[in-house]
Amino acid sequence: MSSEHIQDVVRRSLLAYFKDLDGQKPTDVYNMIIKTVEKPMLMVVMKQAGFVQSHAAEMLGINRNTLRKKLAEHNLLDQDPL
């Protein structure tokens, strides 16, 4: 899957989201998208990294402490997320 495909999925999902609002004012769209995408991304990357945080952080291109913070935010610390 290419990054263009992922972008297309997000684009179509957002268009559907705005259509479903049916005129209601959207709020906090940025945080909604980040939280929606971030958790499954962390789950999959952790599994691919064999649940080794330093490997997962390297795959993600982030600091291990940042990864731990994000795992805690999504209640994914100290558990097999998949």
PDB file of N, CA and C in Angstrom:
ATOM      1  N   MET A   1       0.857  -1.183   0.000  1.00  0.00           N
ATOM      2  CA  MET A   1       0.000   0.000   0.000  1.00  0.00           C
ATOM      3  C   MET A   1       0.891   1.230   0.000  1.00  0.00           C
ATOM      4  N   SER A   2       0.605   2.132  -0.856  1.00  0.00           N
ATOM      5  CA  SER A   2       1.396   3.350  -0.956  1.00  0.00           C
ATOM      6  C   SER A   2       0.830   4.441  -0.042  1.00  0.00           C
ATOM      7  N   SER A   3       1.660   5.451   0.209  1.00  0.00           N
ATOM      8  CA  SER A   3       1.179   6.568   1.026  1.00  0.00           C
ATOM      9  C   SER A   3       0.037   7.291   0.326  1.00  0.00           C
ATOM     10  N   GLU A   4       0.031   7.259  -1.010  1.00  0.00           N
ATOM     11  CA  GLU A   4      -1.068   7.881  -1.752  1.00  0.00           C
ATOM     12  C   GLU A   4      -2.387   7.169  -1.463  1.00  0.00           C
ATOM     13  N   HIS A   5      -2.332   5.837  -1.332  1.00  0.00           N
ATOM     14  CA  HIS A   5      -3.543   5.072  -1.032  1.00  0.00           C
ATOM     15  C   HIS A   5      -4.062   5.430   0.365  1.00  0.00           C
ATOM     16  N   ILE A   6      -3.162   5.520   1.322  1.00  0.00           N
ATOM     17  CA  ILE A   6      -3.565   5.886   2.683  1.00  0.00           C
ATOM     18  C   ILE A   6      -4.174   7.287   2.675  1.00  0.00           C
ATOM     19  N   GLN A   7      -3.544   8.213   1.947  1.00  0.00           N
ATOM     20  CA  GLN A   7      -4.078   9.567   1.857  1.00  0.00           C
ATOM     21  C   GLN A   7      -5.470   9.566   1.238  1.00  0.00           C
ATOM     22  N   ASP A   8      -5.681   8.726   0.225  1.00  0.00           N
ATOM     23  CA  ASP A   8      -6.980   8.644  -0.424  1.00  0.00           C
ATOM     24  C   ASP A   8      -8.044   8.115   0.538  1.00  0.00           C
ATOM     25  N   VAL A   9      -7.685   7.124   1.344  1.00  0.00           N
ATOM     26  CA  VAL A   9      -8.626   6.576   2.327  1.00  0.00           C
ATOM     27  C   VAL A   9      -9.019   7.658   3.340  1.00  0.00           C
ATOM     28  N   VAL A  10      -8.021   8.407   3.811  1.00  0.00           N
ATOM     29  CA  VAL A  10      -8.305   9.477   4.772  1.00  0.00           C
ATOM     30  C   VAL A  10      -9.171  10.548   4.117  1.00  0.00           C
ATOM     31  N   ARG A  11      -8.822  10.928   2.898  1.00  0.00           N
ATOM     32  CA  ARG A  11      -9.590  11.955   2.171  1.00  0.00           C
ATOM     33  C   ARG A  11     -11.054  11.535   2.016  1.00  0.00           C
ATOM     34  N   ARG A  12     -11.279  10.294   1.549  1.00  0.00           N
ATOM     35  CA  ARG A  12     -12.656   9.822   1.360  1.00  0.00           C
ATOM     36  C   ARG A  12     -13.407   9.741   2.687  1.00  0.00           C
ATOM     37  N   SER A  13     -12.714   9.316   3.737  1.00  0.00           N
ATOM     38  CA  SER A  13     -13.348   9.236   5.054  1.00  0.00           C
ATOM     39  C   SER A  13     -13.748  10.608   5.563  1.00  0.00           C
ATOM     40  N   LEU A  14     -12.883  11.591   5.362  1.00  0.00           N
ATOM     41  CA  LEU A  14     -13.214  12.948   5.800  1.00  0.00           C
ATOM     42  C   LEU A  14     -14.369  13.530   4.998  1.00  0.00           C
ATOM     43  N   LEU A  15     -14.378  13.288   3.698  1.00  0.00           N
ATOM     44  CA  LEU A  15     -15.492  13.773   2.876  1.00  0.00           C
ATOM     45  C   LEU A  15     -16.806  13.157   3.349  1.00  0.00           C
ATOM     46  N   ALA A  16     -16.789  11.871   3.662  1.00  0.00           N
ATOM     47  CA  ALA A  16     -17.988  11.202   4.174  1.00  0.00           C
ATOM     48  C   ALA A  16     -18.385  11.762   5.538  1.00  0.00           C
ATOM     49  N   TYR A  17     -17.392  12.038   6.386  1.00  0.00           N
ATOM     50  CA  TYR A  17     -17.652  12.617   7.705  1.00  0.00           C
ATOM     51  C   TYR A  17     -18.371  13.955   7.577  1.00  0.00           C
ATOM     52  N   PHE A  18     -17.828  14.837   6.709  1.00  0.00           N
ATOM     53  CA  PHE A  18     -18.455  16.148   6.532  1.00  0.00           C
ATOM     54  C   PHE A  18     -19.844  16.012   5.920  1.00  0.00           C
ATOM     55  N   LYS A  19     -20.026  15.080   5.019  1.00  0.00           N
ATOM     56  CA  LYS A  19     -21.347  14.852   4.426  1.00  0.00           C
ATOM     57  C   LYS A  19     -22.335  14.387   5.494  1.00  0.00           C
ATOM     58  N   ASP A  20     -21.880  13.483   6.370  1.00  0.00           N
ATOM     59  CA  ASP A  20     -22.739  12.961   7.437  1.00  0.00           C
ATOM     60  C   ASP A  20     -23.126  14.033   8.449  1.00  0.00           C
ATOM     61  N   LEU A  21     -22.315  15.089   8.573  1.00  0.00           N
ATOM     62  CA  LEU A  21     -22.651  16.165   9.510  1.00  0.00           C
ATOM     63  C   LEU A  21     -23.915  16.898   9.078  1.00  0.00           C
ATOM     64  N   ASP A  22     -24.216  16.850   7.788  1.00  0.00           N
ATOM     65  CA  ASP A  22     -25.450  17.429   7.260  1.00  0.00           C
ATOM     66  C   ASP A  22     -25.664  18.867   7.736  1.00  0.00           C
ATOM     67  N   GLY A  23     -24.614  19.678   7.563  1.00  0.00           N
ATOM     68  CA  GLY A  23     -24.741  21.090   7.894  1.00  0.00           C
ATOM     69  C   GLY A  23     -24.314  21.460   9.301  1.00  0.00           C
ATOM     70  N   GLN A  24     -24.129  20.493  10.178  1.00  0.00           N
ATOM     71  CA  GLN A  24     -23.676  20.809  11.529  1.00  0.00           C
ATOM     72  C   GLN A  24     -22.231  21.273  11.477  1.00  0.00           C
ATOM     73  N   LYS A  25     -21.860  22.131  12.415  1.00  0.00           N
ATOM     74  CA  LYS A  25     -20.507  22.677  12.447  1.00  0.00           C
ATOM     75  C   LYS A  25     -19.537  21.636  13.011  1.00  0.00           C
ATOM     76  N   PRO A  26     -18.474  21.297  12.246  1.00  0.00           N
ATOM     77  CA  PRO A  26     -17.472  20.352  12.762  1.00  0.00           C
ATOM     78  C   PRO A  26     -16.574  21.027  13.793  1.00  0.00           C
ATOM     79  N   THR A  27     -16.111  20.250  14.766  1.00  0.00           N
ATOM     80  CA  THR A  27     -15.181  20.765  15.767  1.00  0.00           C
ATOM     81  C   THR A  27     -14.089  19.741  16.031  1.00  0.00           C
ATOM     82  N   ASP A  28     -12.917  20.220  16.327  1.00  0.00           N
ATOM     83  CA  ASP A  28     -11.790  19.382  16.754  1.00  0.00           C
ATOM     84  C   ASP A  28     -11.444  18.279  15.756  1.00  0.00           C
ATOM     85  N   VAL A  29     -11.547  18.590  14.470  1.00  0.00           N
ATOM     86  CA  VAL A  29     -11.313  17.600  13.416  1.00  0.00           C
ATOM     87  C   VAL A  29      -9.875  17.079  13.465  1.00  0.00           C
ATOM     88  N   TYR A  30      -8.923  17.960  13.688  1.00  0.00           N
ATOM     89  CA  TYR A  30      -7.518  17.548  13.719  1.00  0.00           C
ATOM     90  C   TYR A  30      -7.296  16.458  14.772  1.00  0.00           C
ATOM     91  N   ASN A  31      -7.708  16.717  15.999  1.00  0.00           N
ATOM     92  CA  ASN A  31      -7.511  15.736  17.075  1.00  0.00           C
ATOM     93  C   ASN A  31      -8.290  14.452  16.817  1.00  0.00           C
ATOM     94  N   MET A  32      -9.471  14.564  16.243  1.00  0.00           N
ATOM     95  CA  MET A  32     -10.255  13.377  15.930  1.00  0.00           C
ATOM     96  C   MET A  32      -9.483  12.471  14.964  1.00  0.00           C
ATOM     97  N   ILE A  33      -8.923  13.057  13.925  1.00  0.00           N
ATOM     98  CA  ILE A  33      -8.192  12.267  12.926  1.00  0.00           C
ATOM     99  C   ILE A  33      -6.927  11.680  13.522  1.00  0.00           C
ATOM    100  N   ILE A  34      -6.168  12.483  14.245  1.00  0.00           N
ATOM    101  CA  ILE A  34      -4.916  11.987  14.840  1.00  0.00           C
ATOM    102  C   ILE A  34      -5.203  10.822  15.784  1.00  0.00           C
ATOM    103  N   LYS A  35      -6.167  10.962  16.661  1.00  0.00           N
ATOM    104  CA  LYS A  35      -6.475   9.893  17.612  1.00  0.00           C
ATOM    105  C   LYS A  35      -7.021   8.654  16.905  1.00  0.00           C
ATOM    106  N   THR A  36      -7.796   8.854  15.858  1.00  0.00           N
ATOM    107  CA  THR A  36      -8.370   7.731  15.120  1.00  0.00           C
ATOM    108  C   THR A  36      -7.300   6.925  14.400  1.00  0.00           C
ATOM    109  N   VAL A  37      -6.320   7.610  13.841  1.00  0.00           N
ATOM    110  CA  VAL A  37      -5.269   6.950  13.064  1.00  0.00           C
ATOM    111  C   VAL A  37      -4.132   6.458  13.957  1.00  0.00           C
ATOM    112  N   GLU A  38      -3.822   7.211  14.995  1.00  0.00           N
ATOM    113  CA  GLU A  38      -2.649   6.926  15.817  1.00  0.00           C
ATOM    114  C   GLU A  38      -2.733   5.582  16.545  1.00  0.00           C
ATOM    115  N   LYS A  39      -3.861   5.276  17.146  1.00  0.00           N
ATOM    116  CA  LYS A  39      -3.962   4.039  17.935  1.00  0.00           C
ATOM    117  C   LYS A  39      -3.753   2.785  17.086  1.00  0.00           C
ATOM    118  N   PRO A  40      -4.469   2.611  15.971  1.00  0.00           N
ATOM    119  CA  PRO A  40      -4.219   1.405  15.180  1.00  0.00           C
ATOM    120  C   PRO A  40      -2.806   1.370  14.606  1.00  0.00           C
ATOM    121  N   MET A  41      -2.242   2.546  14.283  1.00  0.00           N
ATOM    122  CA  MET A  41      -0.866   2.584  13.796  1.00  0.00           C
ATOM    123  C   MET A  41       0.081   2.068  14.874  1.00  0.00           C
ATOM    124  N   LEU A  42      -0.089   2.534  16.103  1.00  0.00           N
ATOM    125  CA  LEU A  42       0.762   2.079  17.202  1.00  0.00           C
ATOM    126  C   LEU A  42       0.605   0.579  17.435  1.00  0.00           C
ATOM    127  N   MET A  43      -0.617   0.097  17.370  1.00  0.00           N
ATOM    128  CA  MET A  43      -0.872  -1.325  17.589  1.00  0.00           C
ATOM    129  C   MET A  43      -0.148  -2.180  16.550  1.00  0.00           C
ATOM    130  N   VAL A  44      -0.257  -1.804  15.304  1.00  0.00           N
ATOM    131  CA  VAL A  44       0.354  -2.584  14.227  1.00  0.00           C
ATOM    132  C   VAL A  44       1.874  -2.499  14.286  1.00  0.00           C
ATOM    133  N   VAL A  45       2.404  -1.304  14.496  1.00  0.00           N
ATOM    134  CA  VAL A  45       3.857  -1.153  14.544  1.00  0.00           C
ATOM    135  C   VAL A  45       4.434  -1.904  15.740  1.00  0.00           C
ATOM    136  N   MET A  46       3.766  -1.844  16.877  1.00  0.00           N
ATOM    137  CA  MET A  46       4.252  -2.591  18.048  1.00  0.00           C
ATOM    138  C   MET A  46       4.306  -4.087  17.741  1.00  0.00           C
ATOM    139  N   LYS A  47       3.285  -4.602  17.097  1.00  0.00           N
ATOM    140  CA  LYS A  47       3.286  -6.024  16.750  1.00  0.00           C
ATOM    141  C   LYS A  47       4.426  -6.335  15.779  1.00  0.00           C
ATOM    142  N   GLN A  48       4.600  -5.486  14.765  1.00  0.00           N
ATOM    143  CA  GLN A  48       5.660  -5.698  13.780  1.00  0.00           C
ATOM    144  C   GLN A  48       7.045  -5.645  14.433  1.00  0.00           C
ATOM    145  N   ALA A  49       7.167  -4.860  15.503  1.00  0.00           N
ATOM    146  CA  ALA A  49       8.438  -4.709  16.209  1.00  0.00           C
ATOM    147  C   ALA A  49       8.599  -5.761  17.303  1.00  0.00           C
ATOM    148  N   GLY A  50       7.703  -6.737  17.339  1.00  0.00           N
ATOM    149  CA  GLY A  50       7.781  -7.773  18.366  1.00  0.00           C
ATOM    150  C   GLY A  50       7.542  -7.225  19.759  1.00  0.00           C
ATOM    151  N   PHE A  51       6.804  -6.133  19.851  1.00  0.00           N
ATOM    152  CA  PHE A  51       6.466  -5.468  21.111  1.00  0.00           C
ATOM    153  C   PHE A  51       7.702  -4.937  21.837  1.00  0.00           C
ATOM    154  N   VAL A  52       8.761  -4.688  21.077  1.00  0.00           N
ATOM    155  CA  VAL A  52       9.980  -4.074  21.614  1.00  0.00           C
ATOM    156  C   VAL A  52       9.900  -2.585  21.307  1.00  0.00           C
ATOM    157  N   GLN A  53       9.737  -1.794  22.362  1.00  0.00           N
ATOM    158  CA  GLN A  53       9.484  -0.367  22.182  1.00  0.00           C
ATOM    159  C   GLN A  53      10.595   0.352  21.439  1.00  0.00           C
ATOM    160  N   SER A  54      11.836   0.022  21.704  1.00  0.00           N
ATOM    161  CA  SER A  54      12.930   0.711  21.020  1.00  0.00           C
ATOM    162  C   SER A  54      12.895   0.437  19.515  1.00  0.00           C
ATOM    163  N   HIS A  55      12.522  -0.785  19.147  1.00  0.00           N
ATOM    164  CA  HIS A  55      12.397  -1.113  17.717  1.00  0.00           C
ATOM    165  C   HIS A  55      11.211  -0.368  17.104  1.00  0.00           C
ATOM    166  N   ALA A  56      10.101  -0.349  17.817  1.00  0.00           N
ATOM    167  CA  ALA A  56       8.914   0.345  17.317  1.00  0.00           C
ATOM    168  C   ALA A  56       9.186   1.832  17.163  1.00  0.00           C
ATOM    169  N   ALA A  57       9.861   2.435  18.143  1.00  0.00           N
ATOM    170  CA  ALA A  57      10.181   3.867  18.071  1.00  0.00           C
ATOM    171  C   ALA A  57      11.053   4.147  16.853  1.00  0.00           C
ATOM    172  N   GLU A  58      12.006   3.266  16.593  1.00  0.00           N
ATOM    173  CA  GLU A  58      12.872   3.434  15.434  1.00  0.00           C
ATOM    174  C   GLU A  58      12.063   3.334  14.139  1.00  0.00           C
ATOM    175  N   MET A  59      11.151   2.361  14.071  1.00  0.00           N
ATOM    176  CA  MET A  59      10.304   2.218  12.883  1.00  0.00           C
ATOM    177  C   MET A  59       9.459   3.464  12.654  1.00  0.00           C
ATOM    178  N   LEU A  60       8.971   4.045  13.743  1.00  0.00           N
ATOM    179  CA  LEU A  60       8.110   5.226  13.650  1.00  0.00           C
ATOM    180  C   LEU A  60       8.894   6.513  13.433  1.00  0.00           C
ATOM    181  N   GLY A  61      10.186   6.463  13.728  1.00  0.00           N
ATOM    182  CA  GLY A  61      11.008   7.666  13.598  1.00  0.00           C
ATOM    183  C   GLY A  61      10.788   8.644  14.734  1.00  0.00           C
ATOM    184  N   ILE A  62      10.465   8.099  15.918  1.00  0.00           N
ATOM    185  CA  ILE A  62      10.258   8.939  17.092  1.00  0.00           C
ATOM    186  C   ILE A  62      11.106   8.417  18.248  1.00  0.00           C
ATOM    187  N   ASN A  63      11.264   9.235  19.257  1.00  0.00           N
ATOM    188  CA  ASN A  63      11.993   8.883  20.465  1.00  0.00           C
ATOM    189  C   ASN A  63      11.208   7.834  21.260  1.00  0.00           C
ATOM    190  N   ARG A  64      11.900   6.916  21.933  1.00  0.00           N
ATOM    191  CA  ARG A  64      11.226   5.883  22.704  1.00  0.00           C
ATOM    192  C   ARG A  64      10.346   6.482  23.807  1.00  0.00           C
ATOM    193  N   ASN A  65      10.786   7.571  24.422  1.00  0.00           N
ATOM    194  CA  ASN A  65       9.963   8.214  25.454  1.00  0.00           C
ATOM    195  C   ASN A  65       8.669   8.770  24.858  1.00  0.00           C
ATOM    196  N   THR A  66       8.761   9.303  23.651  1.00  0.00           N
ATOM    197  CA  THR A  66       7.561   9.785  22.960  1.00  0.00           C
ATOM    198  C   THR A  66       6.631   8.623  22.672  1.00  0.00           C
ATOM    199  N   LEU A  67       7.189   7.503  22.232  1.00  0.00           N
ATOM    200  CA  LEU A  67       6.375   6.314  21.979  1.00  0.00           C
ATOM    201  C   LEU A  67       5.681   5.866  23.258  1.00  0.00           C
ATOM    202  N   ARG A  68       6.414   5.799  24.365  1.00  0.00           N
ATOM    203  CA  ARG A  68       5.809   5.380  25.644  1.00  0.00           C
ATOM    204  C   ARG A  68       4.653   6.314  26.033  1.00  0.00           C
ATOM    205  N   LYS A  69       4.838   7.608  25.821  1.00  0.00           N
ATOM    206  CA  LYS A  69       3.779   8.579  26.139  1.00  0.00           C
ATOM    207  C   LYS A  69       2.539   8.297  25.290  1.00  0.00           C
ATOM    208  N   LYS A  70       2.752   8.048  24.003  1.00  0.00           N
ATOM    209  CA  LYS A  70       1.624   7.792  23.105  1.00  0.00           C
ATOM    210  C   LYS A  70       0.955   6.446  23.428  1.00  0.00           C
ATOM    211  N   LEU A  71       1.748   5.447  23.767  1.00  0.00           N
ATOM    212  CA  LEU A  71       1.170   4.158  24.173  1.00  0.00           C
ATOM    213  C   LEU A  71       0.322   4.330  25.427  1.00  0.00           C
ATOM    214  N   ALA A  72       0.807   5.116  26.370  1.00  0.00           N
ATOM    215  CA  ALA A  72       0.043   5.364  27.606  1.00  0.00           C
ATOM    216  C   ALA A  72      -1.254   6.117  27.303  1.00  0.00           C
ATOM    217  N   GLU A  73      -1.186   7.110  26.403  1.00  0.00           N
ATOM    218  CA  GLU A  73      -2.380   7.877  26.034  1.00  0.00           C
ATOM    219  C   GLU A  73      -3.478   6.975  25.470  1.00  0.00           C
ATOM    220  N   HIS A  74      -3.073   5.912  24.794  1.00  0.00           N
ATOM    221  CA  HIS A  74      -4.028   5.001  24.160  1.00  0.00           C
ATOM    222  C   HIS A  74      -4.231   3.715  24.966  1.00  0.00           C
ATOM    223  N   ASN A  75      -3.762   3.719  26.214  1.00  0.00           N
ATOM    224  CA  ASN A  75      -3.888   2.552  27.099  1.00  0.00           C
ATOM    225  C   ASN A  75      -3.299   1.291  26.467  1.00  0.00           C
ATOM    226  N   LEU A  76      -2.145   1.428  25.842  1.00  0.00           N
ATOM    227  CA  LEU A  76      -1.496   0.299  25.172  1.00  0.00           C
ATOM    228  C   LEU A  76      -0.197  -0.123  25.850  1.00  0.00           C
ATOM    229  N   LEU A  77       0.144   0.477  26.972  1.00  0.00           N
ATOM    230  CA  LEU A  77       1.357   0.080  27.680  1.00  0.00           C
ATOM    231  C   LEU A  77       1.159  -1.269  28.349  1.00  0.00           C
ATOM    232  N   ASP A  78       2.210  -2.063  28.353  1.00  0.00           N
ATOM    233  CA  ASP A  78       2.236  -3.332  29.085  1.00  0.00           C
ATOM    234  C   ASP A  78       1.122  -4.299  28.696  1.00  0.00           C
ATOM    235  N   GLN A  79       0.738  -4.258  27.443  1.00  0.00           N
ATOM    236  CA  GLN A  79      -0.240  -5.236  26.973  1.00  0.00           C
ATOM    237  C   GLN A  79      -0.004  -5.527  25.512  1.00  0.00           C
ATOM    238  N   ASP A  80      -0.431  -6.695  25.096  1.00  0.00           N
ATOM    239  CA  ASP A  80      -0.373  -7.091  23.701  1.00  0.00           C
ATOM    240  C   ASP A  80      -1.557  -6.416  23.031  1.00  0.00           C
ATOM    241  N   PRO A  81      -1.325  -5.340  22.217  1.00  0.00           N
ATOM    242  CA  PRO A  81      -2.444  -4.571  21.676  1.00  0.00           C
ATOM    243  C   PRO A  81      -3.256  -5.254  20.597  1.00  0.00           C
ATOM    244  N   LEU A  82      -2.768  -6.392  20.074  1.00  0.00           N
ATOM    245  CA  LEU A  82      -3.555  -7.053  19.020  1.00  0.00           C
ATOM    246  C   LEU A  82      -4.046  -8.397  19.475  1.00  0.00           C
TER     247      LEU A  82
END
